[in-house]
Amino acid sequence: MKAAARLQLIKDEWEESSLAEKDEALVYNRKLWTILVTSATGEDSQLPQEIKNNIATLGVFIFKQTITIMTDDDANKLTSIIGINRAIAEGLRATPE
């Protein structure tokens, strides 16, 4: 949720945000996703292969989208990353029934 909140703030204040602020938020998110993808898809992960594949695919999308945002200078492309981050965070916080 922290990464989503940081990205939302950057999106809301895109024109006022410096390149360093944008980069900081995107780097934080990329590091978070690197940890998530590495942990979820590693040999020690007990997740089903389908979930591993889905997380890996989401990670690739996040990494590509991050590069696109910085090269195109387009705040609207943050929307999908923010939504994915929030959905993943909510899923991780949910307690199984």
PDB file of N, CA and C in Angstrom:
ATOM      1  N   MET A   1       0.827  -1.190   0.000  1.00  0.00           N
ATOM      2  CA  MET A   1       0.000   0.000   0.000  1.00  0.00           C
ATOM      3  C   MET A   1       0.874   1.258   0.000  1.00  0.00           C
ATOM      4  N   LYS A   2       2.025   1.167   0.648  1.00  0.00           N
ATOM      5  CA  LYS A   2       2.916   2.329   0.696  1.00  0.00           C
ATOM      6  C   LYS A   2       3.377   2.722  -0.713  1.00  0.00           C
ATOM      7  N   ALA A   3       3.733   1.731  -1.507  1.00  0.00           N
ATOM      8  CA  ALA A   3       4.174   2.015  -2.879  1.00  0.00           C
ATOM      9  C   ALA A   3       3.037   2.621  -3.689  1.00  0.00           C
ATOM     10  N   ALA A   4       1.824   2.077  -3.539  1.00  0.00           N
ATOM     11  CA  ALA A   4       0.664   2.613  -4.257  1.00  0.00           C
ATOM     12  C   ALA A   4       0.382   4.044  -3.833  1.00  0.00           C
ATOM     13  N   ALA A   5       0.487   4.320  -2.548  1.00  0.00           N
ATOM     14  CA  ALA A   5       0.237   5.674  -2.048  1.00  0.00           C
ATOM     15  C   ALA A   5       1.279   6.662  -2.586  1.00  0.00           C
ATOM     16  N   ARG A   6       2.526   6.236  -2.609  1.00  0.00           N
ATOM     17  CA  ARG A   6       3.584   7.113  -3.142  1.00  0.00           C
ATOM     18  C   ARG A   6       3.363   7.400  -4.622  1.00  0.00           C
ATOM     19  N   LEU A   7       3.008   6.362  -5.365  1.00  0.00           N
ATOM     20  CA  LEU A   7       2.759   6.544  -6.802  1.00  0.00           C
ATOM     21  C   LEU A   7       1.529   7.418  -7.044  1.00  0.00           C
ATOM     22  N   GLN A   8       0.500   7.248  -6.217  1.00  0.00           N
ATOM     23  CA  GLN A   8      -0.702   8.071  -6.356  1.00  0.00           C
ATOM     24  C   GLN A   8      -0.377   9.538  -6.121  1.00  0.00           C
ATOM     25  N   LEU A   9       0.441   9.814  -5.116  1.00  0.00           N
ATOM     26  CA  LEU A   9       0.840  11.195  -4.838  1.00  0.00           C
ATOM     27  C   LEU A   9       1.614  11.787  -6.011  1.00  0.00           C
ATOM     28  N   ILE A  10       2.527  11.008  -6.568  1.00  0.00           N
ATOM     29  CA  ILE A  10       3.291  11.482  -7.732  1.00  0.00           C
ATOM     30  C   ILE A  10       2.349  11.732  -8.907  1.00  0.00           C
ATOM     31  N   LYS A  11       1.401  10.820  -9.115  1.00  0.00           N
ATOM     32  CA  LYS A  11       0.448  11.000 -10.214  1.00  0.00           C
ATOM     33  C   LYS A  11      -0.374  12.272 -10.017  1.00  0.00           C
ATOM     34  N   ASP A  12      -0.864  12.478  -8.797  1.00  0.00           N
ATOM     35  CA  ASP A  12      -1.693  13.643  -8.504  1.00  0.00           C
ATOM     36  C   ASP A  12      -0.928  14.955  -8.629  1.00  0.00           C
ATOM     37  N   GLU A  13       0.361  14.896  -8.380  1.00  0.00           N
ATOM     38  CA  GLU A  13       1.183  16.117  -8.409  1.00  0.00           C
ATOM     39  C   GLU A  13       2.258  16.024  -9.494  1.00  0.00           C
ATOM     40  N   TRP A  14       1.942  15.362 -10.596  1.00  0.00           N
ATOM     41  CA  TRP A  14       2.908  15.078 -11.656  1.00  0.00           C
ATOM     42  C   TRP A  14       3.650  16.328 -12.129  1.00  0.00           C
ATOM     43  N   GLU A  15       2.914  17.363 -12.447  1.00  0.00           N
ATOM     44  CA  GLU A  15       3.543  18.583 -12.990  1.00  0.00           C
ATOM     45  C   GLU A  15       4.439  19.278 -11.969  1.00  0.00           C
ATOM     46  N   GLU A  16       4.075  19.181 -10.689  1.00  0.00           N
ATOM     47  CA  GLU A  16       4.842  19.847  -9.635  1.00  0.00           C
ATOM     48  C   GLU A  16       6.004  18.998  -9.135  1.00  0.00           C
ATOM     49  N   SER A  17       5.973  17.705  -9.415  1.00  0.00           N
ATOM     50  CA  SER A  17       6.997  16.789  -8.914  1.00  0.00           C
ATOM     51  C   SER A  17       8.266  16.887  -9.751  1.00  0.00           C
ATOM     52  N   SER A  18       9.386  16.822  -9.049  1.00  0.00           N
ATOM     53  CA  SER A  18      10.669  16.834  -9.752  1.00  0.00           C
ATOM     54  C   SER A  18      10.948  15.449 -10.333  1.00  0.00           C
ATOM     55  N   LEU A  19      11.876  15.410 -11.250  1.00  0.00           N
ATOM     56  CA  LEU A  19      12.286  14.137 -11.837  1.00  0.00           C
ATOM     57  C   LEU A  19      12.817  13.213 -10.746  1.00  0.00           C
ATOM     58  N   ALA A  20      13.531  13.767  -9.777  1.00  0.00           N
ATOM     59  CA  ALA A  20      14.077  12.964  -8.679  1.00  0.00           C
ATOM     60  C   ALA A  20      12.958  12.349  -7.839  1.00  0.00           C
ATOM     61  N   GLU A  21      11.898  13.095  -7.579  1.00  0.00           N
ATOM     62  CA  GLU A  21      10.771  12.574  -6.799  1.00  0.00           C
ATOM     63  C   GLU A  21      10.059  11.459  -7.558  1.00  0.00           C
ATOM     64  N   LYS A  22       9.867  11.669  -8.840  1.00  0.00           N
ATOM     65  CA  LYS A  22       9.235  10.637  -9.666  1.00  0.00           C
ATOM     66  C   LYS A  22      10.095   9.374  -9.680  1.00  0.00           C
ATOM     67  N   ASP A  23      11.382   9.565  -9.900  1.00  0.00           N
ATOM     68  CA  ASP A  23      12.301   8.437  -9.965  1.00  0.00           C
ATOM     69  C   ASP A  23      12.338   7.691  -8.634  1.00  0.00           C
ATOM     70  N   GLU A  24      12.352   8.421  -7.529  1.00  0.00           N
ATOM     71  CA  GLU A  24      12.386   7.798  -6.205  1.00  0.00           C
ATOM     72  C   GLU A  24      11.170   6.898  -5.985  1.00  0.00           C
ATOM     73  N   ALA A  25       9.994   7.384  -6.330  1.00  0.00           N
ATOM     74  CA  ALA A  25       8.773   6.590  -6.157  1.00  0.00           C
ATOM     75  C   ALA A  25       8.785   5.361  -7.066  1.00  0.00           C
ATOM     76  N   LEU A  26       9.228   5.534  -8.290  1.00  0.00           N
ATOM     77  CA  LEU A  26       9.266   4.413  -9.235  1.00  0.00           C
ATOM     78  C   LEU A  26      10.339   3.396  -8.862  1.00  0.00           C
ATOM     79  N   VAL A  27      11.481   3.854  -8.373  1.00  0.00           N
ATOM     80  CA  VAL A  27      12.543   2.939  -7.947  1.00  0.00           C
ATOM     81  C   VAL A  27      12.085   2.135  -6.729  1.00  0.00           C
ATOM     82  N   TYR A  28      11.421   2.805  -5.785  1.00  0.00           N
ATOM     83  CA  TYR A  28      10.891   2.106  -4.608  1.00  0.00           C
ATOM     84  C   TYR A  28       9.939   0.997  -5.045  1.00  0.00           C
ATOM     85  N   ASN A  29       9.042   1.317  -5.963  1.00  0.00           N
ATOM     86  CA  ASN A  29       8.084   0.341  -6.453  1.00  0.00           C
ATOM     87  C   ASN A  29       8.787  -0.807  -7.188  1.00  0.00           C
ATOM     88  N   ARG A  30       9.784  -0.471  -7.982  1.00  0.00           N
ATOM     89  CA  ARG A  30      10.511  -1.503  -8.721  1.00  0.00           C
ATOM     90  C   ARG A  30      11.247  -2.440  -7.760  1.00  0.00           C
ATOM     91  N   LYS A  31      11.840  -1.896  -6.702  1.00  0.00           N
ATOM     92  CA  LYS A  31      12.516  -2.733  -5.710  1.00  0.00           C
ATOM     93  C   LYS A  31      11.519  -3.662  -5.019  1.00  0.00           C
ATOM     94  N   LEU A  32      10.370  -3.114  -4.669  1.00  0.00           N
ATOM     95  CA  LEU A  32       9.326  -3.915  -4.027  1.00  0.00           C
ATOM     96  C   LEU A  32       8.915  -5.075  -4.938  1.00  0.00           C
ATOM     97  N   TRP A  33       8.705  -4.780  -6.219  1.00  0.00           N
ATOM     98  CA  TRP A  33       8.301  -5.812  -7.177  1.00  0.00           C
ATOM     99  C   TRP A  33       9.423  -6.818  -7.434  1.00  0.00           C
ATOM    100  N   THR A  34      10.641  -6.374  -7.399  1.00  0.00           N
ATOM    101  CA  THR A  34      11.768  -7.295  -7.562  1.00  0.00           C
ATOM    102  C   THR A  34      11.772  -8.314  -6.422  1.00  0.00           C
ATOM    103  N   ILE A  35      11.560  -7.833  -5.209  1.00  0.00           N
ATOM    104  CA  ILE A  35      11.504  -8.722  -4.043  1.00  0.00           C
ATOM    105  C   ILE A  35      10.320  -9.676  -4.163  1.00  0.00           C
ATOM    106  N   LEU A  36       9.146  -9.147  -4.513  1.00  0.00           N
ATOM    107  CA  LEU A  36       7.946  -9.964  -4.634  1.00  0.00           C
ATOM    108  C   LEU A  36       8.121 -11.055  -5.692  1.00  0.00           C
ATOM    109  N   VAL A  37       8.570 -10.666  -6.874  1.00  0.00           N
ATOM    110  CA  VAL A  37       8.717 -11.632  -7.970  1.00  0.00           C
ATOM    111  C   VAL A  37       9.771 -12.683  -7.623  1.00  0.00           C
ATOM    112  N   THR A  38      10.882 -12.252  -7.073  1.00  0.00           N
ATOM    113  CA  THR A  38      11.950 -13.183  -6.709  1.00  0.00           C
ATOM    114  C   THR A  38      11.482 -14.175  -5.645  1.00  0.00           C
ATOM    115  N   SER A  39      10.787 -13.663  -4.629  1.00  0.00           N
ATOM    116  CA  SER A  39      10.298 -14.533  -3.552  1.00  0.00           C
ATOM    117  C   SER A  39       9.217 -15.493  -4.041  1.00  0.00           C
ATOM    118  N   ALA A  40       8.303 -14.981  -4.825  1.00  0.00           N
ATOM    119  CA  ALA A  40       7.159 -15.788  -5.261  1.00  0.00           C
ATOM    120  C   ALA A  40       7.528 -16.839  -6.293  1.00  0.00           C
ATOM    121  N   THR A  41       8.537 -16.565  -7.086  1.00  0.00           N
ATOM    122  CA  THR A  41       8.867 -17.486  -8.176  1.00  0.00           C
ATOM    123  C   THR A  41      10.100 -18.339  -7.904  1.00  0.00           C
ATOM    124  N   GLY A  42      10.735 -18.117  -6.775  1.00  0.00           N
ATOM    125  CA  GLY A  42      11.948 -18.875  -6.444  1.00  0.00           C
ATOM    126  C   GLY A  42      11.664 -20.338  -6.193  1.00  0.00           C
ATOM    127  N   GLU A  43      12.720 -21.127  -6.195  1.00  0.00           N
ATOM    128  CA  GLU A  43      12.600 -22.571  -5.988  1.00  0.00           C
ATOM    129  C   GLU A  43      11.981 -22.910  -4.636  1.00  0.00           C
ATOM    130  N   ASP A  44      12.211 -22.077  -3.631  1.00  0.00           N
ATOM    131  CA  ASP A  44      11.683 -22.325  -2.286  1.00  0.00           C
ATOM    132  C   ASP A  44      10.207 -21.974  -2.158  1.00  0.00           C
ATOM    133  N   SER A  45       9.673 -21.266  -3.120  1.00  0.00           N
ATOM    134  CA  SER A  45       8.273 -20.850  -3.057  1.00  0.00           C
ATOM    135  C   SER A  45       7.361 -22.059  -3.173  1.00  0.00           C
ATOM    136  N   GLN A  46       6.367 -22.109  -2.297  1.00  0.00           N
ATOM    137  CA  GLN A  46       5.414 -23.214  -2.319  1.00  0.00           C
ATOM    138  C   GLN A  46       4.135 -22.853  -3.076  1.00  0.00           C
ATOM    139  N   LEU A  47       4.156 -21.729  -3.770  1.00  0.00           N
ATOM    140  CA  LEU A  47       2.994 -21.333  -4.551  1.00  0.00           C
ATOM    141  C   LEU A  47       2.808 -22.269  -5.742  1.00  0.00           C
ATOM    142  N   PRO A  48       1.563 -22.467  -6.157  1.00  0.00           N
ATOM    143  CA  PRO A  48       1.327 -23.258  -7.371  1.00  0.00           C
ATOM    144  C   PRO A  48       1.976 -22.582  -8.584  1.00  0.00           C
ATOM    145  N   GLN A  49       2.372 -23.381  -9.551  1.00  0.00           N
ATOM    146  CA  GLN A  49       3.072 -22.861 -10.729  1.00  0.00           C
ATOM    147  C   GLN A  49       2.265 -21.782 -11.444  1.00  0.00           C
ATOM    148  N   GLU A  50       0.959 -21.943 -11.518  1.00  0.00           N
ATOM    149  CA  GLU A  50       0.121 -20.952 -12.199  1.00  0.00           C
ATOM    150  C   GLU A  50       0.225 -19.579 -11.517  1.00  0.00           C
ATOM    151  N   ILE A  51       0.239 -19.554 -10.203  1.00  0.00           N
ATOM    152  CA  ILE A  51       0.360 -18.289  -9.471  1.00  0.00           C
ATOM    153  C   ILE A  51       1.756 -17.707  -9.665  1.00  0.00           C
ATOM    154  N   LYS A  52       2.766 -18.564  -9.642  1.00  0.00           N
ATOM    155  CA  LYS A  52       4.134 -18.100  -9.912  1.00  0.00           C
ATOM    156  C   LYS A  52       4.204 -17.425 -11.283  1.00  0.00           C
ATOM    157  N   ASN A  53       3.607 -18.073 -12.275  1.00  0.00           N
ATOM    158  CA  ASN A  53       3.607 -17.517 -13.632  1.00  0.00           C
ATOM    159  C   ASN A  53       2.874 -16.184 -13.685  1.00  0.00           C
ATOM    160  N   ASN A  54       1.734 -16.087 -13.001  1.00  0.00           N
ATOM    161  CA  ASN A  54       0.958 -14.846 -12.996  1.00  0.00           C
ATOM    162  C   ASN A  54       1.730 -13.712 -12.337  1.00  0.00           C
ATOM    163  N   ILE A  55       2.393 -14.004 -11.237  1.00  0.00           N
ATOM    164  CA  ILE A  55       3.179 -12.973 -10.554  1.00  0.00           C
ATOM    165  C   ILE A  55       4.351 -12.541 -11.432  1.00  0.00           C
ATOM    166  N   ALA A  56       4.994 -13.493 -12.073  1.00  0.00           N
ATOM    167  CA  ALA A  56       6.097 -13.156 -12.971  1.00  0.00           C
ATOM    168  C   ALA A  56       5.619 -12.274 -14.118  1.00  0.00           C
ATOM    169  N   THR A  57       4.469 -12.595 -14.672  1.00  0.00           N
ATOM    170  CA  THR A  57       3.900 -11.801 -15.769  1.00  0.00           C
ATOM    171  C   THR A  57       3.564 -10.393 -15.299  1.00  0.00           C
ATOM    172  N   LEU A  58       2.966 -10.290 -14.127  1.00  0.00           N
ATOM    173  CA  LEU A  58       2.671  -8.964 -13.568  1.00  0.00           C
ATOM    174  C   LEU A  58       3.961  -8.173 -13.344  1.00  0.00           C
ATOM    175  N   GLY A  59       4.981  -8.844 -12.854  1.00  0.00           N
ATOM    176  CA  GLY A  59       6.269  -8.179 -12.625  1.00  0.00           C
ATOM    177  C   GLY A  59       6.851  -7.622 -13.911  1.00  0.00           C
ATOM    178  N   VAL A  60       6.817  -8.409 -14.962  1.00  0.00           N
ATOM    179  CA  VAL A  60       7.328  -7.944 -16.267  1.00  0.00           C
ATOM    180  C   VAL A  60       6.534  -6.720 -16.723  1.00  0.00           C
ATOM    181  N   PHE A  61       5.207  -6.773 -16.566  1.00  0.00           N
ATOM    182  CA  PHE A  61       4.376  -5.631 -16.938  1.00  0.00           C
ATOM    183  C   PHE A  61       4.761  -4.392 -16.129  1.00  0.00           C
ATOM    184  N   ILE A  62       4.922  -4.553 -14.821  1.00  0.00           N
ATOM    185  CA  ILE A  62       5.290  -3.428 -13.950  1.00  0.00           C
ATOM    186  C   ILE A  62       6.623  -2.838 -14.390  1.00  0.00           C
ATOM    187  N   PHE A  63       7.608  -3.685 -14.651  1.00  0.00           N
ATOM    188  CA  PHE A  63       8.930  -3.194 -15.046  1.00  0.00           C
ATOM    189  C   PHE A  63       8.868  -2.452 -16.382  1.00  0.00           C
ATOM    190  N   LYS A  64       8.145  -2.997 -17.346  1.00  0.00           N
ATOM    191  CA  LYS A  64       8.009  -2.332 -18.644  1.00  0.00           C
ATOM    192  C   LYS A  64       7.247  -1.010 -18.508  1.00  0.00           C
ATOM    193  N   GLN A  65       6.183  -1.026 -17.741  1.00  0.00           N
ATOM    194  CA  GLN A  65       5.374   0.177 -17.558  1.00  0.00           C
ATOM    195  C   GLN A  65       6.189   1.276 -16.882  1.00  0.00           C
ATOM    196  N   THR A  66       7.035   0.896 -15.937  1.00  0.00           N
ATOM    197  CA  THR A  66       7.892   1.860 -15.245  1.00  0.00           C
ATOM    198  C   THR A  66       8.811   2.567 -16.227  1.00  0.00           C
ATOM    199  N   ILE A  67       9.407   1.808 -17.109  1.00  0.00           N
ATOM    200  CA  ILE A  67      10.302   2.400 -18.119  1.00  0.00           C
ATOM    201  C   ILE A  67       9.510   3.320 -19.039  1.00  0.00           C
ATOM    202  N   THR A  68       8.329   2.887 -19.441  1.00  0.00           N
ATOM    203  CA  THR A  68       7.490   3.700 -20.317  1.00  0.00           C
ATOM    204  C   THR A  68       7.105   5.018 -19.653  1.00  0.00           C
ATOM    205  N   ILE A  69       6.771   4.969 -18.389  1.00  0.00           N
ATOM    206  CA  ILE A  69       6.380   6.183 -17.669  1.00  0.00           C
ATOM    207  C   ILE A  69       7.511   7.199 -17.677  1.00  0.00           C
ATOM    208  N   MET A  70       8.716   6.735 -17.420  1.00  0.00           N
ATOM    209  CA  MET A  70       9.844   7.657 -17.369  1.00  0.00           C
ATOM    210  C   MET A  70      10.237   8.176 -18.752  1.00  0.00           C
ATOM    211  N   THR A  71      10.111   7.345 -19.774  1.00  0.00           N
ATOM    212  CA  THR A  71      10.526   7.800 -21.096  1.00  0.00           C
ATOM    213  C   THR A  71       9.447   8.645 -21.774  1.00  0.00           C
ATOM    214  N   ASP A  72       8.175   8.345 -21.491  1.00  0.00           N
ATOM    215  CA  ASP A  72       7.073   9.100 -22.107  1.00  0.00           C
ATOM    216  C   ASP A  72       6.608  10.273 -21.264  1.00  0.00           C
ATOM    217  N   ASP A  73       7.043  10.322 -19.990  1.00  0.00           N
ATOM    218  CA  ASP A  73       6.617  11.372 -19.065  1.00  0.00           C
ATOM    219  C   ASP A  73       5.090  11.439 -19.009  1.00  0.00           C
ATOM    220  N   ASP A  74       4.476  10.274 -18.771  1.00  0.00           N
ATOM    221  CA  ASP A  74       3.021  10.157 -18.805  1.00  0.00           C
ATOM    222  C   ASP A  74       2.486   9.652 -17.470  1.00  0.00           C
ATOM    223  N   ALA A  75       1.902  10.551 -16.681  1.00  0.00           N
ATOM    224  CA  ALA A  75       1.374  10.204 -15.361  1.00  0.00           C
ATOM    225  C   ALA A  75       0.218   9.221 -15.437  1.00  0.00           C
ATOM    226  N   ASN A  76      -0.549   9.253 -16.510  1.00  0.00           N
ATOM    227  CA  ASN A  76      -1.715   8.370 -16.621  1.00  0.00           C
ATOM    228  C   ASN A  76      -1.338   6.893 -16.648  1.00  0.00           C
ATOM    229  N   LYS A  77      -0.118   6.605 -17.044  1.00  0.00           N
ATOM    230  CA  LYS A  77       0.322   5.208 -17.080  1.00  0.00           C
ATOM    231  C   LYS A  77       0.587   4.660 -15.680  1.00  0.00           C
ATOM    232  N   LEU A  78       0.566   5.531 -14.682  1.00  0.00           N
ATOM    233  CA  LEU A  78       0.700   5.079 -13.295  1.00  0.00           C
ATOM    234  C   LEU A  78      -0.572   4.398 -12.799  1.00  0.00           C
ATOM    235  N   THR A  79      -1.697   4.698 -13.422  1.00  0.00           N
ATOM    236  CA  THR A  79      -2.989   4.183 -12.966  1.00  0.00           C
ATOM    237  C   THR A  79      -2.992   2.663 -12.854  1.00  0.00           C
ATOM    238  N   SER A  80      -2.494   1.982 -13.864  1.00  0.00           N
ATOM    239  CA  SER A  80      -2.510   0.516 -13.833  1.00  0.00           C
ATOM    240  C   SER A  80      -1.585  -0.028 -12.749  1.00  0.00           C
ATOM    241  N   ILE A  81      -0.420   0.576 -12.581  1.00  0.00           N
ATOM    242  CA  ILE A  81       0.511   0.118 -11.542  1.00  0.00           C
ATOM    243  C   ILE A  81      -0.105   0.319 -10.160  1.00  0.00           C
ATOM    244  N   ILE A  82      -0.708   1.467  -9.950  1.00  0.00           N
ATOM    245  CA  ILE A  82      -1.342   1.757  -8.660  1.00  0.00           C
ATOM    246  C   ILE A  82      -2.447   0.744  -8.380  1.00  0.00           C
ATOM    247  N   GLY A  83      -3.266   0.468  -9.365  1.00  0.00           N
ATOM    248  CA  GLY A  83      -4.353  -0.502  -9.199  1.00  0.00           C
ATOM    249  C   GLY A  83      -3.842  -1.902  -8.885  1.00  0.00           C
ATOM    250  N   ILE A  84      -2.808  -2.324  -9.591  1.00  0.00           N
ATOM    251  CA  ILE A  84      -2.225  -3.646  -9.343  1.00  0.00           C
ATOM    252  C   ILE A  84      -1.637  -3.709  -7.936  1.00  0.00           C
ATOM    253  N   ASN A  85      -0.892  -2.679  -7.555  1.00  0.00           N
ATOM    254  CA  ASN A  85      -0.302  -2.649  -6.211  1.00  0.00           C
ATOM    255  C   ASN A  85      -1.380  -2.748  -5.139  1.00  0.00           C
ATOM    256  N   ARG A  86      -2.445  -1.988  -5.301  1.00  0.00           N
ATOM    257  CA  ARG A  86      -3.525  -2.017  -4.306  1.00  0.00           C
ATOM    258  C   ARG A  86      -4.192  -3.387  -4.254  1.00  0.00           C
ATOM    259  N   ALA A  87      -4.431  -3.983  -5.399  1.00  0.00           N
ATOM    260  CA  ALA A  87      -5.077  -5.301  -5.442  1.00  0.00           C
ATOM    261  C   ALA A  87      -4.199  -6.364  -4.783  1.00  0.00           C
ATOM    262  N   ILE A  88      -2.913  -6.342  -5.072  1.00  0.00           N
ATOM    263  CA  ILE A  88      -1.987  -7.306  -4.464  1.00  0.00           C
ATOM    264  C   ILE A  88      -1.933  -7.090  -2.952  1.00  0.00           C
ATOM    265  N   ALA A  89      -1.827  -5.842  -2.518  1.00  0.00           N
ATOM    266  CA  ALA A  89      -1.764  -5.543  -1.079  1.00  0.00           C
ATOM    267  C   ALA A  89      -3.028  -6.001  -0.365  1.00  0.00           C
ATOM    268  N   GLU A  90      -4.181  -5.757  -0.962  1.00  0.00           N
ATOM    269  CA  GLU A  90      -5.437  -6.187  -0.350  1.00  0.00           C
ATOM    270  C   GLU A  90      -5.511  -7.711  -0.285  1.00  0.00           C
ATOM    271  N   GLY A  91      -5.053  -8.381  -1.323  1.00  0.00           N
ATOM    272  CA  GLY A  91      -5.052  -9.827  -1.321  1.00  0.00           C
ATOM    273  C   GLY A  91      -4.122 -10.403  -0.264  1.00  0.00           C
ATOM    274  N   LEU A  92      -2.980  -9.754  -0.064  1.00  0.00           N
ATOM    275  CA  LEU A  92      -2.039 -10.237   0.945  1.00  0.00           C
ATOM    276  C   LEU A  92      -2.544  -9.980   2.369  1.00  0.00           C
ATOM    277  N   ARG A  93      -3.340  -8.931   2.528  1.00  0.00           N
ATOM    278  CA  ARG A  93      -3.886  -8.614   3.859  1.00  0.00           C
ATOM    279  C   ARG A  93      -5.088  -9.462   4.211  1.00  0.00           C
ATOM    280  N   ALA A  94      -5.750 -10.010   3.237  1.00  0.00           N
ATOM    281  CA  ALA A  94      -6.979 -10.785   3.486  1.00  0.00           C
ATOM    282  C   ALA A  94      -6.632 -12.064   4.251  1.00  0.00           C
ATOM    283  N   THR A  95      -7.534 -12.424   5.152  1.00  0.00           N
ATOM    284  CA  THR A  95      -7.346 -13.665   5.893  1.00  0.00           C
ATOM    285  C   THR A  95      -8.145 -14.772   5.228  1.00  0.00           C
ATOM    286  N   PRO A  96      -7.508 -15.904   4.999  1.00  0.00           N
ATOM    287  CA  PRO A  96      -8.233 -17.020   4.361  1.00  0.00           C
ATOM    288  C   PRO A  96      -9.373 -17.504   5.238  1.00  0.00           C
ATOM    289  N   GLU A  97     -10.435 -17.936   4.610  1.00  0.00           N
ATOM    290  CA  GLU A  97     -11.599 -18.424   5.363  1.00  0.00           C
ATOM    291  C   GLU A  97     -11.434 -19.869   5.743  1.00  0.00           C
TER     292      GLU A  97
END
